[in-house]
Every structure is written in C-alpha cells, then in structure tokens.
Amino acid sequence: MRNKSRETPEVNGSSTADIAFLLLIFFLMVTTIETNEGIPRKLPPLPEQDKEIVESKLHKRNVFEIRVNSSDQLLVEGEYTKVGNLRKLTKEFILNYGRKENLSDNPQIAVVSLKNDRGTSYLTYINIQNELAAAYREIRDTEARAKFGEVMDELTEAQQEEIKDKFPMKVSEAEPEDIGGKK
C-alpha cells in the first residue's frame, strides 16, 4: 500500500507580479491615447479693453444672431430655420459687403453670435459648429482660388494668413441659459 500523504505540487508564483508589471509597462508604452482637441474659436475681447471702440464697430447689422432652444429649434435672425440652411445664411451674411441693410457691412467686422439653451443637445450644437466652420472654409477657399488659383490647404502660410485676415472667423458664444422649448 502506498502512502496517501503525498503533497500536491505547487506552481512557483514568485515572478508573476514582475511579469504583470512588465506587461503593464509594455502596454502603456505602445498604446496611443487620443486627445480631444476641442473646437478652436477666437474669444471675444476682455471687458477691460476699449469697449467704446468695440461697440462702435459692432452695429446691429454686423452681428448674425443664432439662438437654439432646448427643443433643438434654430432661430436665425429672428426666424426659424433648419441647421442645413445655416451655412448658406452665414455665407450670405458675411459676403454682403453692405448691399442689404440687415446684413454685414464688411467680412472683417462681421460677428456670428451663438446662444444655446441649457437643454440643447450636444449633437445639434456640434452640427451648428460644423456648419459655421464649413461656411468660413468655403468662403476662404473661394477667395483662395480667385486670388491664388488654389484652395486654402495648398497655399503657403503667408497666403493663408492673408485670406484669414480678409475673412476672420469671429464666432461669439454666450453662456447657455434657459431660452425655451421643451416644457
């Protein structure tokens, strides 16, 4: 008869922590982490700067008012419209050059004013931002083709700056508040 007092073999686990630590370091080194860059915008001037100069340049006609309520309804210059129409309306406003009395005098002083309700959906907000950016991109590309024969991305930095100076992207965003919509 054999003795049943035989011990069960054990696995040596003394190096398990070292291996796990090395694997963790390896994955941290080879993994890329995407960062959100945000939406680049030019901020309005600080209040202590010359308010008189800013106010004298910004007549009502040079401010393109966009309001979005909590039901994601878009009110542009006092009229309801769809997000899909925003690009066309923005381009018309910026490129008016004083022809129509209710639109901007000059692209360099034209400001797009955006105000959202606290309940506005993120998707609607991003769609509006995309339409505004696309309007400026199309305006700049058209000017770049007319002046240099190429789109903005193919121009030198100096040429791009010249176009951006002629058509600066001025989007002013007010702090969200309760505008209305869903009840």
Protein backbone atom coordinates (compact mmCIF):
# COMPACT_ATOMS: atom_id res chain seq x y z
CA MET A 1 0.00 0.00 0.00
CA ARG A 2 1.10 3.39 -0.85
CA ASN A 3 1.13 6.27 1.49
CA LYS A 4 -1.53 8.89 0.68
CA SER A 5 0.38 11.60 2.35
CA ARG A 6 1.74 12.77 -0.92
CA GLU A 7 1.75 16.55 -1.31
CA THR A 8 0.17 18.30 -4.26
CA PRO A 9 2.69 20.06 -6.45
CA GLU A 10 2.57 23.88 -6.33
CA VAL A 11 3.37 26.36 -9.07
CA ASN A 12 6.03 28.85 -8.14
CA GLY A 13 4.32 32.28 -8.40
CA SER A 14 7.10 34.47 -7.15
CA SER A 15 7.75 36.06 -10.55
CA THR A 16 4.08 36.57 -11.50
CA ALA A 17 3.98 40.12 -10.12
CA ASP A 18 7.15 41.01 -12.03
CA ILE A 19 5.71 39.69 -15.30
CA ALA A 20 2.42 41.56 -14.78
CA PHE A 21 4.31 44.78 -14.06
CA LEU A 22 6.44 44.38 -17.22
CA LEU A 23 3.32 43.73 -19.33
CA LEU A 24 1.65 46.83 -17.88
CA ILE A 25 4.65 48.99 -18.74
CA PHE A 26 4.79 47.48 -22.24
CA PHE A 27 1.12 48.28 -22.95
CA LEU A 28 1.48 51.80 -21.57
CA MET A 29 4.43 52.42 -23.87
CA VAL A 30 2.87 51.10 -27.10
CA THR A 31 -0.71 52.30 -26.65
CA THR A 32 -1.69 55.64 -28.11
CA ILE A 33 -4.26 57.73 -26.30
CA GLU A 34 -6.42 60.02 -28.40
CA THR A 35 -6.88 63.50 -27.04
CA ASN A 36 -9.82 65.75 -27.74
CA GLU A 37 -8.59 68.96 -29.27
CA GLY A 38 -11.83 70.88 -28.95
CA ILE A 39 -13.19 73.46 -31.33
CA PRO A 40 -10.85 76.37 -31.97
CA ARG A 41 -12.57 79.72 -31.65
CA LYS A 42 -11.43 83.30 -31.26
CA LEU A 43 -12.69 84.55 -27.91
CA PRO A 44 -14.33 87.96 -27.58
CA PRO A 45 -12.17 90.76 -26.11
CA LEU A 46 -11.91 91.14 -22.35
CA PRO A 47 -14.27 93.69 -20.78
CA GLU A 48 -11.45 96.00 -19.67
CA GLN A 49 -10.39 96.60 -23.28
CA ASP A 50 -11.73 99.66 -25.09
CA LYS A 51 -15.46 98.98 -25.03
CA GLU A 52 -16.21 102.15 -26.96
CA ILE A 53 -14.10 101.01 -29.91
CA VAL A 54 -15.65 97.54 -29.92
CA GLU A 55 -19.21 98.90 -29.63
CA SER A 56 -18.69 101.47 -32.37
CA LYS A 57 -17.50 98.78 -34.78
CA LEU A 58 -20.33 96.36 -33.97
CA HIS A 59 -23.56 97.76 -35.25
CA LYS A 60 -26.60 95.50 -35.03
CA ARG A 61 -26.34 94.69 -38.72
CA ASN A 62 -22.82 93.29 -38.24
CA VAL A 63 -23.97 90.69 -35.69
CA PHE A 64 -25.54 87.49 -37.02
CA GLU A 65 -27.72 86.16 -34.19
CA ILE A 66 -28.27 82.43 -33.83
CA ARG A 67 -30.36 81.05 -30.97
CA VAL A 68 -31.04 77.39 -30.18
CA ASN A 69 -33.74 76.34 -27.71
CA SER A 70 -34.00 73.15 -25.64
CA SER A 71 -36.08 71.51 -28.41
CA ASP A 72 -33.08 72.00 -30.77
CA GLN A 73 -35.02 74.54 -32.83
CA LEU A 74 -32.84 77.08 -34.57
CA LEU A 75 -33.77 80.76 -34.62
CA VAL A 76 -31.55 82.73 -37.05
CA GLU A 77 -32.02 86.49 -37.12
CA GLY A 78 -35.49 86.05 -35.59
CA GLU A 79 -36.73 83.37 -38.00
CA TYR A 80 -36.93 79.61 -37.50
CA THR A 81 -34.77 77.61 -39.88
CA LYS A 82 -33.07 74.21 -40.16
CA VAL A 83 -29.41 73.54 -39.40
CA GLY A 84 -28.94 72.61 -43.08
CA ASN A 85 -29.72 76.22 -44.11
CA LEU A 86 -27.23 77.74 -41.66
CA ARG A 87 -24.18 77.53 -43.96
CA LYS A 88 -25.93 79.37 -46.80
CA LEU A 89 -27.34 82.04 -44.46
CA THR A 90 -23.95 82.58 -42.79
CA LYS A 91 -22.16 82.97 -46.13
CA GLU A 92 -24.82 85.42 -47.31
CA PHE A 93 -24.36 87.45 -44.11
CA ILE A 94 -20.56 87.56 -44.27
CA LEU A 95 -20.31 88.27 -48.01
CA ASN A 96 -22.93 91.05 -48.06
CA TYR A 97 -20.47 93.99 -48.19
CA GLY A 98 -23.24 96.40 -47.16
CA ARG A 99 -25.60 95.65 -50.06
CA LYS A 100 -28.57 94.56 -47.91
CA GLU A 101 -29.32 96.75 -44.91
CA ASN A 102 -29.92 93.90 -42.47
CA LEU A 103 -26.65 92.06 -43.26
CA SER A 104 -23.00 92.87 -42.53
CA ASP A 105 -21.06 95.83 -43.88
CA ASN A 106 -17.76 94.01 -44.19
CA PRO A 107 -16.49 90.44 -43.55
CA GLN A 108 -13.77 91.75 -41.24
CA ILE A 109 -16.26 93.15 -38.73
CA ALA A 110 -18.99 90.51 -39.16
CA VAL A 111 -19.59 88.53 -35.96
CA VAL A 112 -21.64 85.36 -35.59
CA SER A 113 -23.33 85.33 -32.17
CA LEU A 114 -24.42 81.90 -30.94
CA LYS A 115 -26.56 81.37 -27.86
CA ASN A 116 -27.76 77.94 -26.74
CA ASP A 117 -30.33 76.83 -24.23
CA ARG A 118 -29.02 74.68 -21.38
CA GLY A 119 -31.14 71.83 -22.76
CA THR A 120 -29.76 71.98 -26.32
CA SER A 121 -28.48 68.58 -27.41
CA TYR A 122 -24.76 68.12 -27.95
CA LEU A 123 -25.40 66.75 -31.47
CA THR A 124 -27.26 69.91 -32.50
CA TYR A 125 -24.53 72.10 -31.01
CA ILE A 126 -21.81 70.22 -32.94
CA ASN A 127 -23.86 70.31 -36.17
CA ILE A 128 -24.21 74.10 -35.84
CA GLN A 129 -20.47 74.47 -35.20
CA ASN A 130 -19.73 72.31 -38.24
CA GLU A 131 -21.99 74.42 -40.46
CA LEU A 132 -20.38 77.67 -39.27
CA ALA A 133 -16.87 76.27 -39.82
CA ALA A 134 -17.88 74.96 -43.27
CA ALA A 135 -19.28 78.38 -44.24
CA TYR A 136 -15.98 80.09 -43.40
CA ARG A 137 -13.98 77.31 -45.08
CA GLU A 138 -15.99 77.67 -48.30
CA ILE A 139 -15.65 81.47 -48.27
CA ARG A 140 -11.89 81.22 -47.74
CA ASP A 141 -11.46 78.51 -50.38
CA THR A 142 -13.39 80.58 -52.93
CA GLU A 143 -11.19 83.61 -52.20
CA ALA A 144 -8.02 81.49 -52.33
CA ARG A 145 -9.00 80.09 -55.74
CA ALA A 146 -9.82 83.55 -57.06
CA LYS A 147 -6.63 85.14 -55.77
CA PHE A 148 -4.04 82.33 -55.93
CA GLY A 149 -5.65 79.61 -58.05
CA GLU A 150 -5.56 77.02 -55.23
CA VAL A 151 -7.59 76.02 -52.18
CA MET A 152 -6.51 77.13 -48.69
CA ASP A 153 -4.75 73.86 -47.80
CA GLU A 154 -2.42 74.19 -50.78
CA LEU A 155 -1.33 77.79 -50.04
CA THR A 156 1.76 78.92 -48.17
CA GLU A 157 1.33 80.05 -44.58
CA ALA A 158 1.66 83.70 -45.60
CA GLN A 159 -1.03 83.32 -48.26
CA GLN A 160 -3.32 81.52 -45.80
CA GLU A 161 -2.86 84.31 -43.25
CA GLU A 162 -3.74 86.89 -45.92
CA ILE A 163 -7.01 85.08 -46.66
CA LYS A 164 -7.77 84.61 -42.93
CA ASP A 165 -7.16 88.32 -42.33
CA LYS A 166 -9.64 89.18 -45.08
CA PHE A 167 -12.22 86.71 -43.70
CA PRO A 168 -11.58 86.30 -39.96
CA MET A 169 -13.73 83.70 -38.22
CA LYS A 170 -15.47 85.57 -35.43
CA VAL A 171 -17.91 83.35 -33.56
CA SER A 172 -19.06 84.66 -30.20
CA GLU A 173 -20.72 82.21 -27.86
CA ALA A 174 -22.77 83.39 -24.93
CA GLU A 175 -23.13 81.31 -21.79
CA PRO A 176 -26.07 78.89 -22.14
CA GLU A 177 -29.30 79.88 -20.43
CA ASP A 178 -32.93 78.84 -20.47
CA ILE A 179 -34.16 80.16 -23.83
CA GLY A 180 -37.23 77.96 -24.07
CA GLY A 181 -38.54 74.98 -25.93
CA LYS A 182 -39.47 71.78 -24.07
CA LYS A 183 -41.68 72.16 -21.04
